[in-house]
Amino acid sequence: MAVYAVIADIHGNREALAAVLGLLEERGVRRVACLGDVVGYNADPDECVALVRSRCAAVIAGNHDLIGIGRLGFERCSNKAAYSLKRTRRMLAPQSAEFLAGLPATHVLEESVVLVHGGVRDVQQYMTTPAHILQNAELLRADFPGARICFFGHSHEQKVYEVDGERVRELPAEGTLALDRNRLYFINPGSVDASRKRTAKAAECALLDTLDWSVEFARTRYDAAATEAKAAAFGYRISPLTDRLYTLKRRLARRLAFNA
């Protein structure tokens, strides 16, 4: 039994990743698990892959990782995500792509802690409502009968959902929270990258203590201005005109598919 740091949704943000890893170093946390989306949105995909390879004991694939290497398409992406991921595909080094291609869809820690990126069986599913949690609790019981905790990412918000039978209760994702070993939990550690957020820019993570059976939520500031400047300078930010063109193309594609 040990303390694990859980991180997710790095999205090529080297400044945020360095900040959260520095925080974990200060706290003396050695075991780090990553829930995927190492690349996407920002300008340092290769640097983030290298840091994750050297620092994380467990890494799974996120949808941006799979889209970045061409294993998934852009159909379920926002315009901003699609634009930046097209850039990622062009810039990603072969060794980074090879690493991402070898990542598993899920991982299990100490037999009872399951790591997924989106939903239990759908890497691109957003789990944001009690109905989503109940649906995935059923899938988790089927696929991982011994699971008591499921860590998930993708939605970029620190969340804790407690499942007791058919009842789902959202708990405050603040400070340290004691968990009940007889219940099931779905926990989002938050996002390392905060470029999608309008609030104060902070890199987020969670610390799981499997001895005390508790989870702690943490966040730290990073140089968001540097991240944004690089993303704009290296072609990862979509312009308003291109955004409108993407939207028009989507509408035309849907209309053609409807009339086919």
C-alpha atoms as a PDB file:
ATOM      1  CA  MET A   1       0.000   0.000   0.000  1.00  0.00           C
ATOM      2  CA  ALA A   2       1.264   3.445  -0.904  1.00  0.00           C
ATOM      3  CA  VAL A   3       0.539   7.026  -1.843  1.00  0.00           C
ATOM      4  CA  TYR A   4      -0.097   7.623  -5.533  1.00  0.00           C
ATOM      5  CA  ALA A   5      -0.386  10.929  -7.348  1.00  0.00           C
ATOM      6  CA  VAL A   6      -2.955  10.839 -10.143  1.00  0.00           C
ATOM      7  CA  ILE A   7      -2.713  13.364 -12.981  1.00  0.00           C
ATOM      8  CA  ALA A   8      -4.682  13.779 -16.209  1.00  0.00           C
ATOM      9  CA  ASP A   9      -5.198  15.968 -19.263  1.00  0.00           C
ATOM     10  CA  ILE A  10      -1.737  17.477 -19.697  1.00  0.00           C
ATOM     11  CA  HIS A  11      -2.444  18.475 -23.302  1.00  0.00           C
ATOM     12  CA  GLY A  12       1.108  19.402 -24.276  1.00  0.00           C
ATOM     13  CA  ASN A  13       1.405  21.981 -21.475  1.00  0.00           C
ATOM     14  CA  ARG A  14       5.006  21.695 -20.313  1.00  0.00           C
ATOM     15  CA  GLU A  15       4.785  24.587 -17.839  1.00  0.00           C
ATOM     16  CA  ALA A  16       1.790  23.083 -16.037  1.00  0.00           C
ATOM     17  CA  LEU A  17       3.265  19.580 -16.026  1.00  0.00           C
ATOM     18  CA  ALA A  18       6.595  20.814 -14.633  1.00  0.00           C
ATOM     19  CA  ALA A  19       4.728  22.738 -11.927  1.00  0.00           C
ATOM     20  CA  VAL A  20       2.632  19.790 -10.765  1.00  0.00           C
ATOM     21  CA  LEU A  21       5.607  17.413 -10.846  1.00  0.00           C
ATOM     22  CA  GLY A  22       7.556  19.960  -8.790  1.00  0.00           C
ATOM     23  CA  LEU A  23       4.731  20.013  -6.248  1.00  0.00           C
ATOM     24  CA  LEU A  24       4.789  16.210  -6.025  1.00  0.00           C
ATOM     25  CA  GLU A  25       8.571  16.264  -5.616  1.00  0.00           C
ATOM     26  CA  GLU A  26       8.204  18.686  -2.698  1.00  0.00           C
ATOM     27  CA  ARG A  27       5.588  16.413  -1.140  1.00  0.00           C
ATOM     28  CA  GLY A  28       7.854  13.381  -1.563  1.00  0.00           C
ATOM     29  CA  VAL A  29       5.364  11.518  -3.769  1.00  0.00           C
ATOM     30  CA  ARG A  30       7.249   9.084  -5.999  1.00  0.00           C
ATOM     31  CA  ARG A  31       4.458   7.048  -7.625  1.00  0.00           C
ATOM     32  CA  VAL A  32       2.609   8.944 -10.338  1.00  0.00           C
ATOM     33  CA  ALA A  33      -0.197   7.613 -12.526  1.00  0.00           C
ATOM     34  CA  CYS A  34      -1.384   9.458 -15.630  1.00  0.00           C
ATOM     35  CA  LEU A  35      -4.915   9.142 -17.046  1.00  0.00           C
ATOM     36  CA  GLY A  36      -3.942  10.197 -20.560  1.00  0.00           C
ATOM     37  CA  ASP A  37      -4.270  13.157 -22.911  1.00  0.00           C
ATOM     38  CA  VAL A  38      -0.556  13.797 -22.700  1.00  0.00           C
ATOM     39  CA  VAL A  39      -0.796  15.794 -25.955  1.00  0.00           C
ATOM     40  CA  GLY A  40      -3.252  18.216 -27.583  1.00  0.00           C
ATOM     41  CA  TYR A  41      -4.063  21.959 -27.359  1.00  0.00           C
ATOM     42  CA  ASN A  42      -0.526  23.167 -26.525  1.00  0.00           C
ATOM     43  CA  ALA A  43       2.888  23.429 -28.125  1.00  0.00           C
ATOM     44  CA  ASP A  44       5.090  20.945 -26.213  1.00  0.00           C
ATOM     45  CA  PRO A  45       3.787  17.451 -26.988  1.00  0.00           C
ATOM     46  CA  ASP A  46       7.202  15.808 -27.235  1.00  0.00           C
ATOM     47  CA  GLU A  47       8.496  17.437 -24.069  1.00  0.00           C
ATOM     48  CA  CYS A  48       5.411  16.300 -22.151  1.00  0.00           C
ATOM     49  CA  VAL A  49       5.720  12.761 -23.488  1.00  0.00           C
ATOM     50  CA  ALA A  50       9.352  12.678 -22.346  1.00  0.00           C
ATOM     51  CA  LEU A  51       8.451  13.926 -18.845  1.00  0.00           C
ATOM     52  CA  VAL A  52       5.613  11.429 -18.509  1.00  0.00           C
ATOM     53  CA  ARG A  53       7.815   8.560 -19.685  1.00  0.00           C
ATOM     54  CA  SER A  54      10.483   9.389 -17.119  1.00  0.00           C
ATOM     55  CA  ARG A  55       8.231  10.250 -14.172  1.00  0.00           C
ATOM     56  CA  CYS A  56       5.037   8.179 -14.363  1.00  0.00           C
ATOM     57  CA  ALA A  57       4.799   4.573 -13.204  1.00  0.00           C
ATOM     58  CA  ALA A  58       1.494   4.009 -15.013  1.00  0.00           C
ATOM     59  CA  VAL A  59       0.109   5.792 -18.093  1.00  0.00           C
ATOM     60  CA  ILE A  60      -3.035   5.093 -20.119  1.00  0.00           C
ATOM     61  CA  ALA A  61      -4.191   6.514 -23.453  1.00  0.00           C
ATOM     62  CA  GLY A  62      -6.536   9.473 -23.693  1.00  0.00           C
ATOM     63  CA  ASN A  63      -8.618  10.402 -26.712  1.00  0.00           C
ATOM     64  CA  HIS A  64      -6.230  13.240 -27.656  1.00  0.00           C
ATOM     65  CA  ASP A  65      -3.335  10.785 -27.618  1.00  0.00           C
ATOM     66  CA  LEU A  66      -5.222   8.443 -29.938  1.00  0.00           C
ATOM     67  CA  ILE A  67      -6.319  11.260 -32.247  1.00  0.00           C
ATOM     68  CA  GLY A  68      -2.795  12.689 -32.237  1.00  0.00           C
ATOM     69  CA  ILE A  69      -1.396   9.449 -33.652  1.00  0.00           C
ATOM     70  CA  GLY A  70      -4.276   8.933 -36.110  1.00  0.00           C
ATOM     71  CA  ARG A  71      -5.940   6.046 -34.288  1.00  0.00           C
ATOM     72  CA  LEU A  72      -9.125   8.077 -33.743  1.00  0.00           C
ATOM     73  CA  GLY A  73     -10.691  10.718 -35.977  1.00  0.00           C
ATOM     74  CA  PHE A  74     -11.863  14.269 -35.291  1.00  0.00           C
ATOM     75  CA  GLU A  75     -15.608  13.549 -35.354  1.00  0.00           C
ATOM     76  CA  ARG A  76     -16.204  14.106 -31.628  1.00  0.00           C
ATOM     77  CA  CYS A  77     -13.746  17.002 -31.249  1.00  0.00           C
ATOM     78  CA  SER A  78     -14.513  20.670 -30.768  1.00  0.00           C
ATOM     79  CA  ASN A  79     -13.119  23.009 -33.416  1.00  0.00           C
ATOM     80  CA  LYS A  80     -10.359  24.115 -31.037  1.00  0.00           C
ATOM     81  CA  ALA A  81      -9.357  20.545 -30.250  1.00  0.00           C
ATOM     82  CA  ALA A  82      -9.429  19.415 -33.891  1.00  0.00           C
ATOM     83  CA  TYR A  83      -7.306  22.349 -35.031  1.00  0.00           C
ATOM     84  CA  SER A  84      -4.640  21.852 -32.366  1.00  0.00           C
ATOM     85  CA  LEU A  85      -4.560  18.086 -32.871  1.00  0.00           C
ATOM     86  CA  LYS A  86      -3.961  18.484 -36.600  1.00  0.00           C
ATOM     87  CA  ARG A  87      -0.916  20.526 -35.631  1.00  0.00           C
ATOM     88  CA  THR A  88       0.084  17.870 -33.094  1.00  0.00           C
ATOM     89  CA  ARG A  89      -0.056  15.185 -35.792  1.00  0.00           C
ATOM     90  CA  ARG A  90       2.351  17.182 -37.940  1.00  0.00           C
ATOM     91  CA  MET A  91       4.776  18.008 -35.130  1.00  0.00           C
ATOM     92  CA  LEU A  92       4.838  14.833 -33.014  1.00  0.00           C
ATOM     93  CA  ALA A  93       8.197  13.043 -33.089  1.00  0.00           C
ATOM     94  CA  PRO A  94       8.199   9.364 -34.155  1.00  0.00           C
ATOM     95  CA  GLN A  95       9.417   8.190 -30.745  1.00  0.00           C
ATOM     96  CA  SER A  96       6.618  10.106 -29.018  1.00  0.00           C
ATOM     97  CA  ALA A  97       4.028   8.626 -31.373  1.00  0.00           C
ATOM     98  CA  GLU A  98       5.422   5.152 -30.724  1.00  0.00           C
ATOM     99  CA  PHE A  99       5.103   5.642 -26.967  1.00  0.00           C
ATOM    100  CA  LEU A 100       1.509   6.864 -27.239  1.00  0.00           C
ATOM    101  CA  ALA A 101       0.604   3.999 -29.555  1.00  0.00           C
ATOM    102  CA  GLY A 102       1.703   1.488 -26.931  1.00  0.00           C
ATOM    103  CA  LEU A 103      -0.426   2.860 -24.089  1.00  0.00           C
ATOM    104  CA  PRO A 104      -3.220   0.662 -22.691  1.00  0.00           C
ATOM    105  CA  ALA A 105      -6.837   1.784 -22.421  1.00  0.00           C
ATOM    106  CA  THR A 106      -7.024   1.041 -18.682  1.00  0.00           C
ATOM    107  CA  HIS A 107      -4.771   0.157 -15.766  1.00  0.00           C
ATOM    108  CA  VAL A 108      -5.357  -1.356 -12.307  1.00  0.00           C
ATOM    109  CA  LEU A 109      -3.480  -0.313  -9.150  1.00  0.00           C
ATOM    110  CA  GLU A 110      -3.387  -2.683  -6.174  1.00  0.00           C
ATOM    111  CA  GLU A 111      -6.321  -4.728  -7.556  1.00  0.00           C
ATOM    112  CA  SER A 112      -9.014  -2.231  -6.491  1.00  0.00           C
ATOM    113  CA  VAL A 113      -8.154   1.083  -8.177  1.00  0.00           C
ATOM    114  CA  VAL A 114      -8.984   1.355 -11.884  1.00  0.00           C
ATOM    115  CA  LEU A 115      -7.644   4.070 -14.177  1.00  0.00           C
ATOM    116  CA  VAL A 116      -9.684   5.136 -17.226  1.00  0.00           C
ATOM    117  CA  HIS A 117      -9.650   8.286 -19.316  1.00  0.00           C
ATOM    118  CA  GLY A 118     -13.287   8.990 -20.234  1.00  0.00           C
ATOM    119  CA  GLY A 119     -15.874   6.299 -19.570  1.00  0.00           C
ATOM    120  CA  VAL A 120     -15.071   2.746 -18.542  1.00  0.00           C
ATOM    121  CA  ARG A 121     -15.569   1.513 -22.124  1.00  0.00           C
ATOM    122  CA  ASP A 122     -15.618   4.793 -24.088  1.00  0.00           C
ATOM    123  CA  VAL A 123     -12.461   6.909 -24.019  1.00  0.00           C
ATOM    124  CA  GLN A 124     -14.384   9.904 -25.367  1.00  0.00           C
ATOM    125  CA  GLN A 125     -17.329   9.836 -22.943  1.00  0.00           C
ATOM    126  CA  TYR A 126     -17.765  12.739 -20.537  1.00  0.00           C
ATOM    127  CA  MET A 127     -18.854  11.527 -17.098  1.00  0.00           C
ATOM    128  CA  THR A 128     -20.531  14.649 -15.765  1.00  0.00           C
ATOM    129  CA  THR A 129     -23.901  13.549 -14.346  1.00  0.00           C
ATOM    130  CA  PRO A 130     -25.136  10.985 -11.805  1.00  0.00           C
ATOM    131  CA  ALA A 131     -26.718   9.069 -14.710  1.00  0.00           C
ATOM    132  CA  HIS A 132     -23.296   8.760 -16.387  1.00  0.00           C
ATOM    133  CA  ILE A 133     -21.794   7.545 -13.117  1.00  0.00           C
ATOM    134  CA  LEU A 134     -24.483   4.903 -12.585  1.00  0.00           C
ATOM    135  CA  GLN A 135     -24.072   3.652 -16.151  1.00  0.00           C
ATOM    136  CA  ASN A 136     -20.320   3.360 -15.740  1.00  0.00           C
ATOM    137  CA  ALA A 137     -20.598   1.845 -12.262  1.00  0.00           C
ATOM    138  CA  GLU A 138     -22.453  -1.058 -13.863  1.00  0.00           C
ATOM    139  CA  LEU A 139     -19.752  -1.413 -16.511  1.00  0.00           C
ATOM    140  CA  LEU A 140     -17.013  -1.181 -13.894  1.00  0.00           C
ATOM    141  CA  ARG A 141     -18.575  -3.981 -11.836  1.00  0.00           C
ATOM    142  CA  ALA A 142     -18.762  -6.145 -14.950  1.00  0.00           C
ATOM    143  CA  ASP A 143     -15.230  -5.474 -16.187  1.00  0.00           C
ATOM    144  CA  PHE A 144     -13.399  -5.019 -12.854  1.00  0.00           C
ATOM    145  CA  PRO A 145     -15.331  -6.850 -10.095  1.00  0.00           C
ATOM    146  CA  GLY A 146     -12.770  -5.958  -7.424  1.00  0.00           C
ATOM    147  CA  ALA A 147     -12.752  -2.224  -8.115  1.00  0.00           C
ATOM    148  CA  ARG A 148     -13.595   0.212  -5.320  1.00  0.00           C
ATOM    149  CA  ILE A 149     -12.239   3.382  -6.959  1.00  0.00           C
ATOM    150  CA  CYS A 150     -12.302   4.482 -10.587  1.00  0.00           C
ATOM    151  CA  PHE A 151     -10.142   7.462 -11.484  1.00  0.00           C
ATOM    152  CA  PHE A 152     -11.225   9.217 -14.675  1.00  0.00           C
ATOM    153  CA  GLY A 153     -10.235  12.347 -16.574  1.00  0.00           C
ATOM    154  CA  HIS A 154     -11.434  14.017 -19.784  1.00  0.00           C
ATOM    155  CA  SER A 155     -13.828  16.563 -18.233  1.00  0.00           C
ATOM    156  CA  HIS A 156     -11.067  18.677 -16.614  1.00  0.00           C
ATOM    157  CA  GLU A 157     -12.841  19.215 -13.259  1.00  0.00           C
ATOM    158  CA  GLN A 158     -11.920  17.841  -9.839  1.00  0.00           C
ATOM    159  CA  LYS A 159     -14.882  15.668  -8.832  1.00  0.00           C
ATOM    160  CA  VAL A 160     -15.810  12.898  -6.400  1.00  0.00           C
ATOM    161  CA  TYR A 161     -18.886  10.723  -6.852  1.00  0.00           C
ATOM    162  CA  GLU A 162     -19.810   8.146  -4.214  1.00  0.00           C
ATOM    163  CA  VAL A 163     -21.926   5.216  -5.379  1.00  0.00           C
ATOM    164  CA  ASP A 164     -23.998   3.312  -2.831  1.00  0.00           C
ATOM    165  CA  GLY A 165     -26.155   0.758  -4.646  1.00  0.00           C
ATOM    166  CA  GLU A 166     -28.225   2.787  -7.112  1.00  0.00           C
ATOM    167  CA  ARG A 167     -27.624   6.083  -5.329  1.00  0.00           C
ATOM    168  CA  VAL A 168     -24.962   8.571  -6.466  1.00  0.00           C
ATOM    169  CA  ARG A 169     -23.795  11.391  -4.226  1.00  0.00           C
ATOM    170  CA  GLU A 170     -21.341  14.107  -5.277  1.00  0.00           C
ATOM    171  CA  LEU A 171     -18.876  14.964  -2.503  1.00  0.00           C
ATOM    172  CA  PRO A 172     -16.771  18.137  -2.162  1.00  0.00           C
ATOM    173  CA  ALA A 173     -13.516  17.796  -4.088  1.00  0.00           C
ATOM    174  CA  GLU A 174     -11.536  19.857  -1.609  1.00  0.00           C
ATOM    175  CA  GLY A 175      -8.709  19.073   0.777  1.00  0.00           C
ATOM    176  CA  THR A 176      -8.504  15.507   2.077  1.00  0.00           C
ATOM    177  CA  LEU A 177     -11.496  13.194   1.927  1.00  0.00           C
ATOM    178  CA  ALA A 178     -11.807   9.909   3.848  1.00  0.00           C
ATOM    179  CA  LEU A 179     -13.335   7.149   1.724  1.00  0.00           C
ATOM    180  CA  ASP A 180     -15.583   4.257   2.749  1.00  0.00           C
ATOM    181  CA  ARG A 181     -14.148   0.884   1.725  1.00  0.00           C
ATOM    182  CA  ASN A 182     -17.672  -0.512   1.354  1.00  0.00           C
ATOM    183  CA  ARG A 183     -18.667   1.974  -1.341  1.00  0.00           C
ATOM    184  CA  LEU A 184     -17.615   2.715  -4.887  1.00  0.00           C
ATOM    185  CA  TYR A 185     -16.014   6.003  -5.940  1.00  0.00           C
ATOM    186  CA  PHE A 186     -15.503   7.758  -9.240  1.00  0.00           C
ATOM    187  CA  ILE A 187     -12.820  10.421  -8.849  1.00  0.00           C
ATOM    188  CA  ASN A 188     -11.551  13.015 -11.315  1.00  0.00           C
ATOM    189  CA  PRO A 189      -8.180  14.484 -10.223  1.00  0.00           C
ATOM    190  CA  GLY A 190      -8.730  17.579 -12.383  1.00  0.00           C
ATOM    191  CA  SER A 191      -6.568  18.675 -15.295  1.00  0.00           C
ATOM    192  CA  VAL A 192      -2.891  19.533 -15.382  1.00  0.00           C
ATOM    193  CA  ASP A 193      -3.606  21.883 -18.302  1.00  0.00           C
ATOM    194  CA  ALA A 194      -5.898  24.800 -17.482  1.00  0.00           C
ATOM    195  CA  SER A 195      -5.969  26.458 -20.913  1.00  0.00           C
ATOM    196  CA  ARG A 196      -9.690  25.638 -21.311  1.00  0.00           C
ATOM    197  CA  LYS A 197     -10.584  27.182 -17.963  1.00  0.00           C
ATOM    198  CA  ARG A 198     -11.651  30.772 -17.403  1.00  0.00           C
ATOM    199  CA  THR A 199     -10.860  30.751 -13.698  1.00  0.00           C
ATOM    200  CA  ALA A 200      -7.398  31.107 -12.139  1.00  0.00           C
ATOM    201  CA  LYS A 201      -4.915  28.981 -14.058  1.00  0.00           C
ATOM    202  CA  ALA A 202      -3.694  26.110 -11.885  1.00  0.00           C
ATOM    203  CA  ALA A 203      -2.339  22.633 -12.537  1.00  0.00           C
ATOM    204  CA  GLU A 204      -4.421  20.069 -10.648  1.00  0.00           C
ATOM    205  CA  CYS A 205      -3.873  16.551  -9.313  1.00  0.00           C
ATOM    206  CA  ALA A 206      -5.071  14.126  -6.650  1.00  0.00           C
ATOM    207  CA  LEU A 207      -3.171  12.080  -4.072  1.00  0.00           C
ATOM    208  CA  LEU A 208      -4.540   8.659  -3.173  1.00  0.00           C
ATOM    209  CA  ASP A 209      -3.418   6.995   0.058  1.00  0.00           C
ATOM    210  CA  THR A 210      -4.303   3.309  -0.240  1.00  0.00           C
ATOM    211  CA  LEU A 211      -3.348   2.650   3.403  1.00  0.00           C
ATOM    212  CA  ASP A 212      -5.605   5.326   4.929  1.00  0.00           C
ATOM    213  CA  TRP A 213      -8.082   4.969   2.033  1.00  0.00           C
ATOM    214  CA  SER A 214      -8.248   8.722   1.495  1.00  0.00           C
ATOM    215  CA  VAL A 215      -7.880  11.140  -1.415  1.00  0.00           C
ATOM    216  CA  GLU A 216      -6.436  14.644  -1.315  1.00  0.00           C
ATOM    217  CA  PHE A 217      -6.951  17.271  -4.016  1.00  0.00           C
ATOM    218  CA  ALA A 218      -4.124  19.653  -4.842  1.00  0.00           C
ATOM    219  CA  ARG A 219      -3.418  22.449  -7.297  1.00  0.00           C
ATOM    220  CA  THR A 220      -0.524  24.749  -8.081  1.00  0.00           C
ATOM    221  CA  ARG A 221      -0.072  27.869 -10.226  1.00  0.00           C
ATOM    222  CA  TYR A 222       2.046  27.814 -13.400  1.00  0.00           C
ATOM    223  CA  ASP A 223       3.163  30.263 -16.088  1.00  0.00           C
ATOM    224  CA  ALA A 224      -0.019  30.206 -18.161  1.00  0.00           C
ATOM    225  CA  ALA A 225       1.062  33.263 -20.155  1.00  0.00           C
ATOM    226  CA  ALA A 226       4.109  31.408 -21.467  1.00  0.00           C
ATOM    227  CA  THR A 227       1.969  28.417 -22.439  1.00  0.00           C
ATOM    228  CA  GLU A 228      -0.490  30.618 -24.348  1.00  0.00           C
ATOM    229  CA  ALA A 229       2.258  32.578 -26.087  1.00  0.00           C
ATOM    230  CA  LYS A 230       3.917  29.401 -27.365  1.00  0.00           C
ATOM    231  CA  ALA A 231       0.618  27.868 -28.433  1.00  0.00           C
ATOM    232  CA  ALA A 232      -0.224  30.960 -30.481  1.00  0.00           C
ATOM    233  CA  ALA A 233       3.275  31.328 -31.936  1.00  0.00           C
ATOM    234  CA  PHE A 234       3.517  27.682 -33.033  1.00  0.00           C
ATOM    235  CA  GLY A 235       0.077  27.412 -34.597  1.00  0.00           C
ATOM    236  CA  TYR A 236      -1.968  25.591 -31.947  1.00  0.00           C
ATOM    237  CA  ARG A 237      -4.659  28.270 -31.520  1.00  0.00           C
ATOM    238  CA  ILE A 238      -7.542  28.493 -33.980  1.00  0.00           C
ATOM    239  CA  SER A 239      -8.419  31.929 -35.382  1.00  0.00           C
ATOM    240  CA  PRO A 240     -12.040  33.207 -35.314  1.00  0.00           C
ATOM    241  CA  LEU A 241     -12.258  32.930 -39.111  1.00  0.00           C
ATOM    242  CA  THR A 242     -10.961  29.351 -39.188  1.00  0.00           C
ATOM    243  CA  ASP A 243     -13.297  28.498 -36.320  1.00  0.00           C
ATOM    244  CA  ARG A 244     -16.274  29.678 -38.383  1.00  0.00           C
ATOM    245  CA  LEU A 245     -15.051  27.724 -41.412  1.00  0.00           C
ATOM    246  CA  TYR A 246     -14.777  24.558 -39.321  1.00  0.00           C
ATOM    247  CA  THR A 247     -18.335  25.061 -38.090  1.00  0.00           C
ATOM    248  CA  LEU A 248     -19.641  25.557 -41.624  1.00  0.00           C
ATOM    249  CA  LYS A 249     -17.896  22.384 -42.784  1.00  0.00           C
ATOM    250  CA  ARG A 250     -19.435  20.422 -39.902  1.00  0.00           C
ATOM    251  CA  ARG A 251     -22.914  21.681 -40.742  1.00  0.00           C
ATOM    252  CA  LEU A 252     -22.456  20.870 -44.418  1.00  0.00           C
ATOM    253  CA  ALA A 253     -21.205  17.367 -43.592  1.00  0.00           C
ATOM    254  CA  ARG A 254     -24.200  16.726 -41.331  1.00  0.00           C
ATOM    255  CA  ARG A 255     -26.609  17.999 -43.994  1.00  0.00           C
ATOM    256  CA  LEU A 256     -25.045  15.791 -46.658  1.00  0.00           C
ATOM    257  CA  ALA A 257     -25.185  12.778 -44.366  1.00  0.00           C
ATOM    258  CA  PHE A 258     -28.859  13.493 -43.555  1.00  0.00           C
ATOM    259  CA  ASN A 259     -29.753  13.750 -47.246  1.00  0.00           C
ATOM    260  CA  ALA A 260     -27.759  10.723 -48.306  1.00  0.00           C
END
